[in-house]
């Protein structure tokens, strides 16, 4: 019997589909999840990513899920994914857990190990970003060449934009500091100290990345009691010191309370290693604001550095001689002056006529 018969040869699900192929065309088929996607474009075939295909929702729940991921003028809060590498040790794992405790509920912690190298192959990170709808990531790994390694990065259009590698030299966990902690979802205050953050482009991007990672949701108003903890970053002598403090409001005898800082954890001493930065054009494109969100410029209105609004009013030229002022006996005109003014007015009228 032949290979295509029912009794022998390949199983039915692995048989090749027969279709005409144009001369000179190359066929590329990539095995996706449970299916193979093949597409001809002209004479060359392009393999489709399973996540790039157009999906039509079949239920209302799926429709709501897809609507949440659609492009919006005001984007959703940036979520972060924390991924453990294939050879992560206990220190790196605990760092990821502590950062996840600070990021809750805007973070996703992957508990299983993922064997990948972000600086060599970024496809797995981009896949996880698209799957979990996260635009920020932290990847932890450990090896002999780069021990206690953290990779901090962000995405643009589900592709890696910036990526900075940091080495952990000293670490104190949340559990090791026996103090009260802040509740979940608290928005932190960020403080950056040190001239190194403005010295080089790597440190400037690192500062921007840390702000993006820890800033949390944008709020219209701030309540004094809601300012509960501070994240302090210090750049000094080639190292970055990361500290977390809880804010204590004490009585001061006046309306403004006295502020004390109590270390809460985690505490990290970091050193800068490798960087993967976006080009200036791509970075500028990622920062572009939609026209609908740009504030319309109002004429004759300006603002100072403190947010005070100043307005400019255009008026006609005023005749200050007719300005009503306070009447005083010393300013009254004498009879001789009145007679001279009356004669001048009469002469002007005669000339006009």
C-alpha atoms as a PDB file:
ATOM      1  CA  UNK A   1       0.000   0.000   0.000  1.00  0.00           C
ATOM      2  CA  UNK A   2       1.136   3.560  -0.651  1.00  0.00           C
ATOM      3  CA  UNK A   3       2.116   6.111   1.955  1.00  0.00           C
ATOM      4  CA  UNK A   4      -1.189   7.924   1.507  1.00  0.00           C
ATOM      5  CA  UNK A   5      -3.341   4.873   2.191  1.00  0.00           C
ATOM      6  CA  UNK A   6      -5.362   4.465   5.357  1.00  0.00           C
ATOM      7  CA  UNK A   7      -3.399   1.487   6.596  1.00  0.00           C
ATOM      8  CA  UNK A   8       0.146   2.904   6.652  1.00  0.00           C
ATOM      9  CA  UNK A   9       2.343   5.940   6.257  1.00  0.00           C
ATOM     10  CA  UNK A  10       2.025   9.123   8.337  1.00  0.00           C
ATOM     11  CA  UNK A  11      -0.898   9.836  10.666  1.00  0.00           C
ATOM     12  CA  UNK A  12      -3.739  11.705   9.038  1.00  0.00           C
ATOM     13  CA  UNK A  13      -3.098  14.983  10.952  1.00  0.00           C
ATOM     14  CA  UNK A  14       0.480  15.226   9.636  1.00  0.00           C
ATOM     15  CA  UNK A  15      -0.344  14.857   5.935  1.00  0.00           C
ATOM     16  CA  UNK A  16       0.807  17.711   3.706  1.00  0.00           C
ATOM     17  CA  UNK A  17      -1.876  19.885   2.148  1.00  0.00           C
ATOM     18  CA  UNK A  18      -1.614  20.091  -1.630  1.00  0.00           C
ATOM     19  CA  UNK A  19      -1.871  23.556  -3.186  1.00  0.00           C
ATOM     20  CA  UNK A  20      -0.273  25.202  -6.223  1.00  0.00           C
ATOM     21  CA  UNK A  21       2.951  27.069  -5.538  1.00  0.00           C
ATOM     22  CA  UNK A  22       4.077  29.809  -7.940  1.00  0.00           C
ATOM     23  CA  UNK A  23       7.468  29.228  -9.557  1.00  0.00           C
ATOM     24  CA  UNK A  24      10.346  30.713  -7.571  1.00  0.00           C
ATOM     25  CA  UNK A  25       8.263  31.133  -4.416  1.00  0.00           C
ATOM     26  CA  UNK A  26       9.717  30.143  -1.048  1.00  0.00           C
ATOM     27  CA  UNK A  27       7.485  28.704   1.634  1.00  0.00           C
ATOM     28  CA  UNK A  28       8.042  29.322   5.323  1.00  0.00           C
ATOM     29  CA  UNK A  29       5.826  27.684   7.938  1.00  0.00           C
ATOM     30  CA  UNK A  30       6.232  28.308  11.639  1.00  0.00           C
ATOM     31  CA  UNK A  31       4.603  25.963  14.075  1.00  0.00           C
ATOM     32  CA  UNK A  32       2.517  28.081  16.435  1.00  0.00           C
ATOM     33  CA  UNK A  33       0.505  26.925  19.362  1.00  0.00           C
ATOM     34  CA  UNK A  34      -1.589  23.977  18.072  1.00  0.00           C
ATOM     35  CA  UNK A  35      -1.618  25.304  14.513  1.00  0.00           C
ATOM     36  CA  UNK A  36       0.617  26.241  11.580  1.00  0.00           C
ATOM     37  CA  UNK A  37       0.291  29.657   9.938  1.00  0.00           C
ATOM     38  CA  UNK A  38       1.380  30.011   6.312  1.00  0.00           C
ATOM     39  CA  UNK A  39       0.872  33.092   4.209  1.00  0.00           C
ATOM     40  CA  UNK A  40       1.981  33.925   0.629  1.00  0.00           C
ATOM     41  CA  UNK A  41       2.870  37.511  -0.202  1.00  0.00           C
ATOM     42  CA  UNK A  42       3.822  37.735  -3.873  1.00  0.00           C
ATOM     43  CA  UNK A  43       6.552  35.178  -4.418  1.00  0.00           C
ATOM     44  CA  UNK A  44       7.730  34.908  -0.801  1.00  0.00           C
ATOM     45  CA  UNK A  45       5.906  33.344   2.127  1.00  0.00           C
ATOM     46  CA  UNK A  46       5.870  35.043   5.519  1.00  0.00           C
ATOM     47  CA  UNK A  47       5.234  33.229   8.790  1.00  0.00           C
ATOM     48  CA  UNK A  48       2.559  34.885  10.931  1.00  0.00           C
ATOM     49  CA  UNK A  49       2.873  35.242  14.658  1.00  0.00           C
ATOM     50  CA  UNK A  50      -0.118  33.676  16.436  1.00  0.00           C
ATOM     51  CA  UNK A  51      -0.569  36.872  18.494  1.00  0.00           C
ATOM     52  CA  UNK A  52      -0.499  39.144  15.406  1.00  0.00           C
ATOM     53  CA  UNK A  53      -3.476  37.626  13.652  1.00  0.00           C
ATOM     54  CA  UNK A  54      -6.857  39.375  13.694  1.00  0.00           C
ATOM     55  CA  UNK A  55      -9.057  37.901  16.384  1.00  0.00           C
ATOM     56  CA  UNK A  56     -12.824  38.354  16.299  1.00  0.00           C
ATOM     57  CA  UNK A  57     -14.461  38.052  19.716  1.00  0.00           C
ATOM     58  CA  UNK A  58     -17.097  35.344  20.073  1.00  0.00           C
ATOM     59  CA  UNK A  59     -18.339  36.344  23.532  1.00  0.00           C
ATOM     60  CA  UNK A  60     -19.023  39.606  25.327  1.00  0.00           C
ATOM     61  CA  UNK A  61     -16.238  38.873  27.789  1.00  0.00           C
ATOM     62  CA  UNK A  62     -13.724  38.468  24.951  1.00  0.00           C
ATOM     63  CA  UNK A  63     -15.002  41.691  23.388  1.00  0.00           C
ATOM     64  CA  UNK A  64     -14.447  43.624  26.630  1.00  0.00           C
ATOM     65  CA  UNK A  65     -10.980  42.093  26.931  1.00  0.00           C
ATOM     66  CA  UNK A  66     -10.000  43.239  23.423  1.00  0.00           C
ATOM     67  CA  UNK A  67     -11.462  46.716  23.978  1.00  0.00           C
ATOM     68  CA  UNK A  68      -9.216  47.178  27.012  1.00  0.00           C
ATOM     69  CA  UNK A  69      -6.168  46.541  24.826  1.00  0.00           C
ATOM     70  CA  UNK A  70      -7.170  48.901  22.030  1.00  0.00           C
ATOM     71  CA  UNK A  71      -5.142  52.111  21.587  1.00  0.00           C
ATOM     72  CA  UNK A  72      -6.512  54.950  23.705  1.00  0.00           C
ATOM     73  CA  UNK A  73      -5.830  58.657  24.072  1.00  0.00           C
ATOM     74  CA  UNK A  74      -5.360  58.159  27.816  1.00  0.00           C
ATOM     75  CA  UNK A  75      -3.514  54.879  28.150  1.00  0.00           C
ATOM     76  CA  UNK A  76      -4.024  52.411  30.969  1.00  0.00           C
ATOM     77  CA  UNK A  77      -1.721  52.276  33.975  1.00  0.00           C
ATOM     78  CA  UNK A  78       1.610  50.697  33.030  1.00  0.00           C
ATOM     79  CA  UNK A  79       1.921  47.183  34.425  1.00  0.00           C
ATOM     80  CA  UNK A  80       5.244  45.486  35.132  1.00  0.00           C
ATOM     81  CA  UNK A  81       6.168  41.825  34.749  1.00  0.00           C
ATOM     82  CA  UNK A  82       8.844  40.326  36.981  1.00  0.00           C
ATOM     83  CA  UNK A  83      10.516  37.319  35.367  1.00  0.00           C
ATOM     84  CA  UNK A  84      12.923  34.848  36.937  1.00  0.00           C
ATOM     85  CA  UNK A  85      15.734  33.505  34.764  1.00  0.00           C
ATOM     86  CA  UNK A  86      16.676  29.860  34.395  1.00  0.00           C
ATOM     87  CA  UNK A  87      19.587  30.133  36.838  1.00  0.00           C
ATOM     88  CA  UNK A  88      18.238  32.662  39.372  1.00  0.00           C
ATOM     89  CA  UNK A  89      19.456  32.193  42.956  1.00  0.00           C
ATOM     90  CA  UNK A  90      17.683  32.907  46.255  1.00  0.00           C
ATOM     91  CA  UNK A  91      18.876  36.545  46.397  1.00  0.00           C
ATOM     92  CA  UNK A  92      17.526  37.455  42.956  1.00  0.00           C
ATOM     93  CA  UNK A  93      14.253  35.622  43.668  1.00  0.00           C
ATOM     94  CA  UNK A  94      13.748  37.555  46.898  1.00  0.00           C
ATOM     95  CA  UNK A  95      14.515  40.867  45.146  1.00  0.00           C
ATOM     96  CA  UNK A  96      11.810  40.142  42.577  1.00  0.00           C
ATOM     97  CA  UNK A  97       9.333  39.291  45.345  1.00  0.00           C
ATOM     98  CA  UNK A  98      10.071  42.512  47.247  1.00  0.00           C
ATOM     99  CA  UNK A  99       9.761  44.664  44.122  1.00  0.00           C
ATOM    100  CA  UNK A 100       6.491  42.889  43.349  1.00  0.00           C
ATOM    101  CA  UNK A 101       5.264  43.788  46.856  1.00  0.00           C
ATOM    102  CA  UNK A 102       5.975  47.462  46.082  1.00  0.00           C
ATOM    103  CA  UNK A 103       4.345  47.271  42.620  1.00  0.00           C
ATOM    104  CA  UNK A 104       1.095  45.554  43.653  1.00  0.00           C
ATOM    105  CA  UNK A 105      -1.513  45.569  42.133  1.00  0.00           C
ATOM    106  CA  UNK A 106       0.210  46.836  38.951  1.00  0.00           C
ATOM    107  CA  UNK A 107       2.598  43.924  38.545  1.00  0.00           C
ATOM    108  CA  UNK A 108       2.729  40.272  37.498  1.00  0.00           C
ATOM    109  CA  UNK A 109       5.233  37.895  39.116  1.00  0.00           C
ATOM    110  CA  UNK A 110       6.237  34.850  37.045  1.00  0.00           C
ATOM    111  CA  UNK A 111       7.051  32.056  39.493  1.00  0.00           C
ATOM    112  CA  UNK A 112       8.449  29.575  36.980  1.00  0.00           C
ATOM    113  CA  UNK A 113      11.962  29.923  35.605  1.00  0.00           C
ATOM    114  CA  UNK A 114      12.340  31.118  32.006  1.00  0.00           C
ATOM    115  CA  UNK A 115      15.556  30.306  30.177  1.00  0.00           C
ATOM    116  CA  UNK A 116      16.267  33.414  28.125  1.00  0.00           C
ATOM    117  CA  UNK A 117      18.941  36.068  27.665  1.00  0.00           C
ATOM    118  CA  UNK A 118      17.412  39.528  27.112  1.00  0.00           C
ATOM    119  CA  UNK A 119      20.541  41.104  25.568  1.00  0.00           C
ATOM    120  CA  UNK A 120      20.865  38.303  23.003  1.00  0.00           C
ATOM    121  CA  UNK A 121      17.242  37.352  22.238  1.00  0.00           C
ATOM    122  CA  UNK A 122      14.301  39.599  23.104  1.00  0.00           C
ATOM    123  CA  UNK A 123      11.507  37.609  21.443  1.00  0.00           C
ATOM    124  CA  UNK A 124      10.450  35.825  24.638  1.00  0.00           C
ATOM    125  CA  UNK A 125      10.177  39.134  26.534  1.00  0.00           C
ATOM    126  CA  UNK A 126       8.112  40.639  23.726  1.00  0.00           C
ATOM    127  CA  UNK A 127       5.867  37.557  23.719  1.00  0.00           C
ATOM    128  CA  UNK A 128       5.264  37.798  27.478  1.00  0.00           C
ATOM    129  CA  UNK A 129       4.651  41.549  27.148  1.00  0.00           C
ATOM    130  CA  UNK A 130       1.973  40.989  24.534  1.00  0.00           C
ATOM    131  CA  UNK A 131       0.418  38.096  26.403  1.00  0.00           C
ATOM    132  CA  UNK A 132       0.165  39.870  29.772  1.00  0.00           C
ATOM    133  CA  UNK A 133      -0.242  43.438  28.405  1.00  0.00           C
ATOM    134  CA  UNK A 134       2.781  44.766  30.336  1.00  0.00           C
ATOM    135  CA  UNK A 135       4.982  47.606  29.129  1.00  0.00           C
ATOM    136  CA  UNK A 136       7.604  47.338  31.924  1.00  0.00           C
ATOM    137  CA  UNK A 137       9.714  44.349  32.939  1.00  0.00           C
ATOM    138  CA  UNK A 138      12.356  43.247  35.417  1.00  0.00           C
ATOM    139  CA  UNK A 139      14.388  40.126  34.669  1.00  0.00           C
ATOM    140  CA  UNK A 140      16.539  38.453  37.328  1.00  0.00           C
ATOM    141  CA  UNK A 141      19.381  35.991  36.712  1.00  0.00           C
ATOM    142  CA  UNK A 142      22.632  34.753  38.246  1.00  0.00           C
ATOM    143  CA  UNK A 143      25.802  33.301  36.733  1.00  0.00           C
ATOM    144  CA  UNK A 144      29.538  33.294  37.305  1.00  0.00           C
ATOM    145  CA  UNK A 145      30.263  36.146  34.901  1.00  0.00           C
ATOM    146  CA  UNK A 146      27.409  38.394  36.113  1.00  0.00           C
ATOM    147  CA  UNK A 147      26.308  37.377  39.617  1.00  0.00           C
ATOM    148  CA  UNK A 148      23.032  38.696  41.105  1.00  0.00           C
ATOM    149  CA  UNK A 149      21.933  40.314  37.872  1.00  0.00           C
ATOM    150  CA  UNK A 150      18.844  42.485  37.266  1.00  0.00           C
ATOM    151  CA  UNK A 151      17.677  43.733  33.868  1.00  0.00           C
ATOM    152  CA  UNK A 152      15.241  46.652  33.962  1.00  0.00           C
ATOM    153  CA  UNK A 153      13.438  47.671  30.777  1.00  0.00           C
ATOM    154  CA  UNK A 154      10.352  49.034  29.065  1.00  0.00           C
ATOM    155  CA  UNK A 155       8.444  48.336  25.878  1.00  0.00           C
ATOM    156  CA  UNK A 156       7.098  50.440  23.041  1.00  0.00           C
ATOM    157  CA  UNK A 157       4.485  48.820  20.797  1.00  0.00           C
ATOM    158  CA  UNK A 158       5.379  45.440  22.385  1.00  0.00           C
ATOM    159  CA  UNK A 159       9.047  45.798  21.382  1.00  0.00           C
ATOM    160  CA  UNK A 160      11.969  46.508  23.707  1.00  0.00           C
ATOM    161  CA  UNK A 161      12.696  50.241  23.877  1.00  0.00           C
ATOM    162  CA  UNK A 162      15.244  50.631  26.693  1.00  0.00           C
ATOM    163  CA  UNK A 163      17.035  47.973  28.716  1.00  0.00           C
ATOM    164  CA  UNK A 164      19.589  48.520  31.498  1.00  0.00           C
ATOM    165  CA  UNK A 165      21.475  45.820  33.386  1.00  0.00           C
ATOM    166  CA  UNK A 166      22.228  46.304  37.105  1.00  0.00           C
ATOM    167  CA  UNK A 167      24.302  44.202  39.474  1.00  0.00           C
ATOM    168  CA  UNK A 168      23.256  43.657  43.106  1.00  0.00           C
ATOM    169  CA  UNK A 169      26.170  44.138  45.518  1.00  0.00           C
ATOM    170  CA  UNK A 170      24.213  44.365  48.771  1.00  0.00           C
ATOM    171  CA  UNK A 171      20.602  43.473  49.568  1.00  0.00           C
ATOM    172  CA  UNK A 172      18.387  43.768  52.649  1.00  0.00           C
ATOM    173  CA  UNK A 173      14.924  42.281  52.283  1.00  0.00           C
ATOM    174  CA  UNK A 174      11.546  43.549  53.438  1.00  0.00           C
ATOM    175  CA  UNK A 175      11.411  40.694  55.943  1.00  0.00           C
ATOM    176  CA  UNK A 176      14.775  41.562  57.485  1.00  0.00           C
ATOM    177  CA  UNK A 177      13.624  45.064  58.530  1.00  0.00           C
ATOM    178  CA  UNK A 178      11.096  44.607  61.326  1.00  0.00           C
ATOM    179  CA  UNK A 179       9.021  47.748  60.843  1.00  0.00           C
ATOM    180  CA  UNK A 180       5.454  48.422  59.774  1.00  0.00           C
ATOM    181  CA  UNK A 181       4.837  48.336  56.022  1.00  0.00           C
ATOM    182  CA  UNK A 182       2.654  50.395  53.707  1.00  0.00           C
ATOM    183  CA  UNK A 183      -0.642  49.032  52.371  1.00  0.00           C
ATOM    184  CA  UNK A 184      -0.896  47.602  48.873  1.00  0.00           C
ATOM    185  CA  UNK A 185      -1.370  50.066  45.998  1.00  0.00           C
ATOM    186  CA  UNK A 186       0.142  53.096  47.777  1.00  0.00           C
ATOM    187  CA  UNK A 187       1.637  55.654  45.406  1.00  0.00           C
ATOM    188  CA  UNK A 188       5.271  56.403  46.354  1.00  0.00           C
ATOM    189  CA  UNK A 189       7.219  59.640  46.345  1.00  0.00           C
ATOM    190  CA  UNK A 190      10.434  59.446  44.297  1.00  0.00           C
ATOM    191  CA  UNK A 191      13.626  61.298  45.257  1.00  0.00           C
ATOM    192  CA  UNK A 192      16.792  61.302  43.122  1.00  0.00           C
ATOM    193  CA  UNK A 193      20.031  62.566  44.637  1.00  0.00           C
ATOM    194  CA  UNK A 194      23.443  62.915  43.028  1.00  0.00           C
ATOM    195  CA  UNK A 195      24.872  64.754  40.022  1.00  0.00           C
ATOM    196  CA  UNK A 196      25.626  61.465  38.252  1.00  0.00           C
ATOM    197  CA  UNK A 197      21.976  61.180  37.155  1.00  0.00           C
ATOM    198  CA  UNK A 198      22.554  64.173  34.858  1.00  0.00           C
ATOM    199  CA  UNK A 199      26.161  63.425  33.889  1.00  0.00           C
ATOM    200  CA  UNK A 200      25.807  60.787  31.142  1.00  0.00           C
ATOM    201  CA  UNK A 201      23.073  59.543  28.835  1.00  0.00           C
ATOM    202  CA  UNK A 202      23.048  56.095  30.500  1.00  0.00           C
ATOM    203  CA  UNK A 203      22.249  57.580  33.903  1.00  0.00           C
ATOM    204  CA  UNK A 204      19.658  59.955  32.435  1.00  0.00           C
ATOM    205  CA  UNK A 205      17.842  57.025  30.806  1.00  0.00           C
ATOM    206  CA  UNK A 206      18.156  55.029  34.034  1.00  0.00           C
ATOM    207  CA  UNK A 207      16.503  57.848  35.960  1.00  0.00           C
ATOM    208  CA  UNK A 208      13.704  58.039  33.400  1.00  0.00           C
ATOM    209  CA  UNK A 209      13.273  54.253  33.534  1.00  0.00           C
ATOM    210  CA  UNK A 210      13.083  54.191  37.342  1.00  0.00           C
ATOM    211  CA  UNK A 211      10.469  56.956  37.308  1.00  0.00           C
ATOM    212  CA  UNK A 212       8.458  55.028  34.724  1.00  0.00           C
ATOM    213  CA  UNK A 213       8.730  51.816  36.724  1.00  0.00           C
ATOM    214  CA  UNK A 214       7.762  53.064  40.196  1.00  0.00           C
ATOM    215  CA  UNK A 215       5.571  56.141  39.587  1.00  0.00           C
ATOM    216  CA  UNK A 216       2.241  54.279  39.694  1.00  0.00           C
ATOM    217  CA  UNK A 217      -1.083  55.789  38.565  1.00  0.00           C
ATOM    218  CA  UNK A 218      -1.514  59.471  37.708  1.00  0.00           C
ATOM    219  CA  UNK A 219      -3.770  61.186  40.249  1.00  0.00           C
ATOM    220  CA  UNK A 220      -5.456  64.615  39.943  1.00  0.00           C
ATOM    221  CA  UNK A 221      -5.294  65.482  43.670  1.00  0.00           C
ATOM    222  CA  UNK A 222      -2.995  64.601  46.558  1.00  0.00           C
ATOM    223  CA  UNK A 223      -4.026  64.100  50.173  1.00  0.00           C
ATOM    224  CA  UNK A 224      -1.443  64.697  52.909  1.00  0.00           C
ATOM    225  CA  UNK A 225      -2.319  61.477  54.722  1.00  0.00           C
ATOM    226  CA  UNK A 226      -1.837  59.553  51.456  1.00  0.00           C
ATOM    227  CA  UNK A 227       1.881  60.358  51.334  1.00  0.00           C
ATOM    228  CA  UNK A 228       3.023  57.230  53.138  1.00  0.00           C
ATOM    229  CA  UNK A 229       6.390  56.127  51.780  1.00  0.00           C
ATOM    230  CA  UNK A 230       9.422  57.373  49.860  1.00  0.00           C
ATOM    231  CA  UNK A 231      11.722  55.668  47.362  1.00  0.00           C
ATOM    232  CA  UNK A 232      15.152  57.295  47.473  1.00  0.00           C
ATOM    233  CA  UNK A 233      17.763  56.783  44.716  1.00  0.00           C
ATOM    234  CA  UNK A 234      21.306  58.065  45.206  1.00  0.00           C
ATOM    235  CA  UNK A 235      23.991  57.955  42.487  1.00  0.00           C
ATOM    236  CA  UNK A 236      27.475  58.233  43.975  1.00  0.00           C
ATOM    237  CA  UNK A 237      30.904  56.954  42.867  1.00  0.00           C
ATOM    238  CA  UNK A 238      29.522  54.724  40.130  1.00  0.00           C
ATOM    239  CA  UNK A 239      26.898  53.060  42.355  1.00  0.00           C
ATOM    240  CA  UNK A 240      23.148  53.464  42.770  1.00  0.00           C
ATOM    241  CA  UNK A 241      21.783  53.212  46.307  1.00  0.00           C
ATOM    242  CA  UNK A 242      18.094  52.279  46.485  1.00  0.00           C
ATOM    243  CA  UNK A 243      16.340  52.871  49.824  1.00  0.00           C
ATOM    244  CA  UNK A 244      12.703  52.724  50.885  1.00  0.00           C
ATOM    245  CA  UNK A 245      11.348  54.739  53.814  1.00  0.00           C
ATOM    246  CA  UNK A 246       7.979  54.977  55.506  1.00  0.00           C
ATOM    247  CA  UNK A 247       6.744  58.517  56.182  1.00  0.00           C
ATOM    248  CA  UNK A 248       5.672  59.290  59.755  1.00  0.00           C
ATOM    249  CA  UNK A 249       3.656  62.456  60.440  1.00  0.00           C
ATOM    250  CA  UNK A 250       4.277  63.696  63.989  1.00  0.00           C
ATOM    251  CA  UNK A 251       2.736  66.538  65.975  1.00  0.00           C
ATOM    252  CA  UNK A 252       4.601  69.807  65.588  1.00  0.00           C
ATOM    253  CA  UNK A 253       2.389  72.308  67.450  1.00  0.00           C
ATOM    254  CA  UNK A 254       1.294  73.972  64.214  1.00  0.00           C
ATOM    255  CA  UNK A 255      -0.776  73.113  61.170  1.00  0.00           C
ATOM    256  CA  UNK A 256       2.132  71.568  59.241  1.00  0.00           C
ATOM    257  CA  UNK A 257       3.169  68.217  60.790  1.00  0.00           C
ATOM    258  CA  UNK A 258       6.731  67.206  61.589  1.00  0.00           C
ATOM    259  CA  UNK A 259       8.030  64.513  59.211  1.00  0.00           C
ATOM    260  CA  UNK A 260      10.186  61.550  60.187  1.00  0.00           C
ATOM    261  CA  UNK A 261      11.516  58.781  57.943  1.00  0.00           C
ATOM    262  CA  UNK A 262      11.660  55.142  59.059  1.00  0.00           C
ATOM    263  CA  UNK A 263      13.436  52.572  56.887  1.00  0.00           C
ATOM    264  CA  UNK A 264      10.969  50.038  55.552  1.00  0.00           C
ATOM    265  CA  UNK A 265      12.904  47.992  53.001  1.00  0.00           C
ATOM    266  CA  UNK A 266      13.976  46.701  50.591  1.00  0.00           C
ATOM    267  CA  UNK A 267      17.494  48.142  50.484  1.00  0.00           C
ATOM    268  CA  UNK A 268      19.754  47.638  47.438  1.00  0.00           C
ATOM    269  CA  UNK A 269      23.251  48.666  46.442  1.00  0.00           C
ATOM    270  CA  UNK A 270      23.417  48.486  42.643  1.00  0.00           C
ATOM    271  CA  UNK A 271      26.114  48.923  40.022  1.00  0.00           C
ATOM    272  CA  UNK A 272      25.525  49.747  36.359  1.00  0.00           C
ATOM    273  CA  UNK A 273      26.527  47.057  33.855  1.00  0.00           C
ATOM    274  CA  UNK A 274      25.309  46.745  30.233  1.00  0.00           C
ATOM    275  CA  UNK A 275      22.808  49.025  28.490  1.00  0.00           C
ATOM    276  CA  UNK A 276      20.573  48.710  25.433  1.00  0.00           C
ATOM    277  CA  UNK A 277      19.139  52.160  24.655  1.00  0.00           C
ATOM    278  CA  UNK A 278      16.768  53.207  21.906  1.00  0.00           C
ATOM    279  CA  UNK A 279      17.925  55.580  19.199  1.00  0.00           C
ATOM    280  CA  UNK A 280      17.057  59.264  19.518  1.00  0.00           C
ATOM    281  CA  UNK A 281      14.445  59.061  16.734  1.00  0.00           C
ATOM    282  CA  UNK A 282      12.686  56.042  18.253  1.00  0.00           C
ATOM    283  CA  UNK A 283      12.832  57.565  21.738  1.00  0.00           C
ATOM    284  CA  UNK A 284      11.314  60.795  20.412  1.00  0.00           C
ATOM    285  CA  UNK A 285       8.586  58.824  18.616  1.00  0.00           C
ATOM    286  CA  UNK A 286       7.703  56.954  21.815  1.00  0.00           C
ATOM    287  CA  UNK A 287       7.316  60.277  23.668  1.00  0.00           C
ATOM    288  CA  UNK A 288       5.052  61.785  21.019  1.00  0.00           C
ATOM    289  CA  UNK A 289       1.749  63.095  22.351  1.00  0.00           C
ATOM    290  CA  UNK A 290      -1.506  62.806  20.359  1.00  0.00           C
ATOM    291  CA  UNK A 291      -2.906  66.040  18.962  1.00  0.00           C
ATOM    292  CA  UNK A 292      -6.140  65.597  20.887  1.00  0.00           C
ATOM    293  CA  UNK A 293      -4.243  65.671  24.207  1.00  0.00           C
ATOM    294  CA  UNK A 294      -2.086  68.689  23.418  1.00  0.00           C
ATOM    295  CA  UNK A 295      -3.325  71.739  25.343  1.00  0.00           C
ATOM    296  CA  UNK A 296      -4.689  74.463  23.128  1.00  0.00           C
ATOM    297  CA  UNK A 297      -2.674  77.641  23.355  1.00  0.00           C
ATOM    298  CA  UNK A 298      -4.669  80.538  24.737  1.00  0.00           C
ATOM    299  CA  UNK A 299      -3.777  84.049  23.708  1.00  0.00           C
ATOM    300  CA  UNK A 300      -2.448  86.569  26.223  1.00  0.00           C
ATOM    301  CA  UNK A 301      -2.153  83.964  29.013  1.00  0.00           C
ATOM    302  CA  UNK A 302       1.153  82.831  30.494  1.00  0.00           C
ATOM    303  CA  UNK A 303       2.298  80.706  33.450  1.00  0.00           C
ATOM    304  CA  UNK A 304       5.355  80.933  35.671  1.00  0.00           C
ATOM    305  CA  UNK A 305       7.367  78.069  37.185  1.00  0.00           C
ATOM    306  CA  UNK A 306       5.039  77.843  40.198  1.00  0.00           C
ATOM    307  CA  UNK A 307       1.902  77.479  38.069  1.00  0.00           C
ATOM    308  CA  UNK A 308       0.567  80.994  38.609  1.00  0.00           C
ATOM    309  CA  UNK A 309      -1.532  82.241  35.695  1.00  0.00           C
ATOM    310  CA  UNK A 310      -0.942  85.724  34.282  1.00  0.00           C
ATOM    311  CA  UNK A 311      -3.292  87.450  31.854  1.00  0.00           C
ATOM    312  CA  UNK A 312      -2.626  90.372  29.523  1.00  0.00           C
ATOM    313  CA  UNK A 313      -5.399  92.865  28.768  1.00  0.00           C
ATOM    314  CA  UNK A 314      -5.230  95.208  25.745  1.00  0.00           C
ATOM    315  CA  UNK A 315      -6.916  98.595  26.317  1.00  0.00           C
ATOM    316  CA  UNK A 316      -7.277 101.789  24.334  1.00  0.00           C
ATOM    317  CA  UNK A 317      -5.080 104.762  25.116  1.00  0.00           C
ATOM    318  CA  UNK A 318      -6.576 106.730  27.988  1.00  0.00           C
ATOM    319  CA  UNK A 319      -6.749 110.516  28.318  1.00  0.00           C
ATOM    320  CA  UNK A 320      -5.253 111.032  31.728  1.00  0.00           C
ATOM    321  CA  UNK A 321      -6.302 114.706  31.791  1.00  0.00           C
ATOM    322  CA  UNK A 322      -9.929 113.622  32.146  1.00  0.00           C
ATOM    323  CA  UNK A 323      -9.165 111.053  34.816  1.00  0.00           C
ATOM    324  CA  UNK A 324     -11.305 111.535  37.904  1.00  0.00           C
ATOM    325  CA  UNK A 325      -9.121 112.022  40.944  1.00  0.00           C
ATOM    326  CA  UNK A 326      -9.720 113.097  44.498  1.00  0.00           C
ATOM    327  CA  UNK A 327     -10.963 116.645  44.649  1.00  0.00           C
ATOM    328  CA  UNK A 328      -8.714 119.025  46.578  1.00  0.00           C
ATOM    329  CA  UNK A 329      -8.949 122.771  47.042  1.00  0.00           C
ATOM    330  CA  UNK A 330      -5.297 123.169  46.133  1.00  0.00           C
ATOM    331  CA  UNK A 331      -5.906 121.573  42.721  1.00  0.00           C
ATOM    332  CA  UNK A 332      -8.860 123.770  41.762  1.00  0.00           C
ATOM    333  CA  UNK A 333      -8.315 126.004  38.753  1.00  0.00           C
ATOM    334  CA  UNK A 334      -8.218 129.749  39.236  1.00  0.00           C
ATOM    335  CA  UNK A 335     -10.706 132.042  37.466  1.00  0.00           C
ATOM    336  CA  UNK A 336      -7.991 133.429  35.189  1.00  0.00           C
ATOM    337  CA  UNK A 337      -7.050 129.902  34.073  1.00  0.00           C
ATOM    338  CA  UNK A 338     -10.685 129.079  33.329  1.00  0.00           C
ATOM    339  CA  UNK A 339     -11.078 132.198  31.192  1.00  0.00           C
ATOM    340  CA  UNK A 340      -7.953 131.309  29.173  1.00  0.00           C
ATOM    341  CA  UNK A 341      -9.211 127.715  28.618  1.00  0.00           C
ATOM    342  CA  UNK A 342     -12.637 128.950  27.489  1.00  0.00           C
ATOM    343  CA  UNK A 343     -11.054 131.361  25.006  1.00  0.00           C
ATOM    344  CA  UNK A 344      -8.846 128.540  23.587  1.00  0.00           C
ATOM    345  CA  UNK A 345     -11.855 126.257  23.147  1.00  0.00           C
ATOM    346  CA  UNK A 346     -13.810 129.030  21.356  1.00  0.00           C
ATOM    347  CA  UNK A 347     -10.901 129.708  18.980  1.00  0.00           C
ATOM    348  CA  UNK A 348     -10.684 125.986  18.150  1.00  0.00           C
ATOM    349  CA  UNK A 349     -14.391 125.868  17.347  1.00  0.00           C
ATOM    350  CA  UNK A 350     -14.130 128.934  15.062  1.00  0.00           C
ATOM    351  CA  UNK A 351     -11.224 127.370  13.160  1.00  0.00           C
ATOM    352  CA  UNK A 352     -13.193 124.133  12.656  1.00  0.00           C
ATOM    353  CA  UNK A 353     -16.181 126.020  11.305  1.00  0.00           C
END
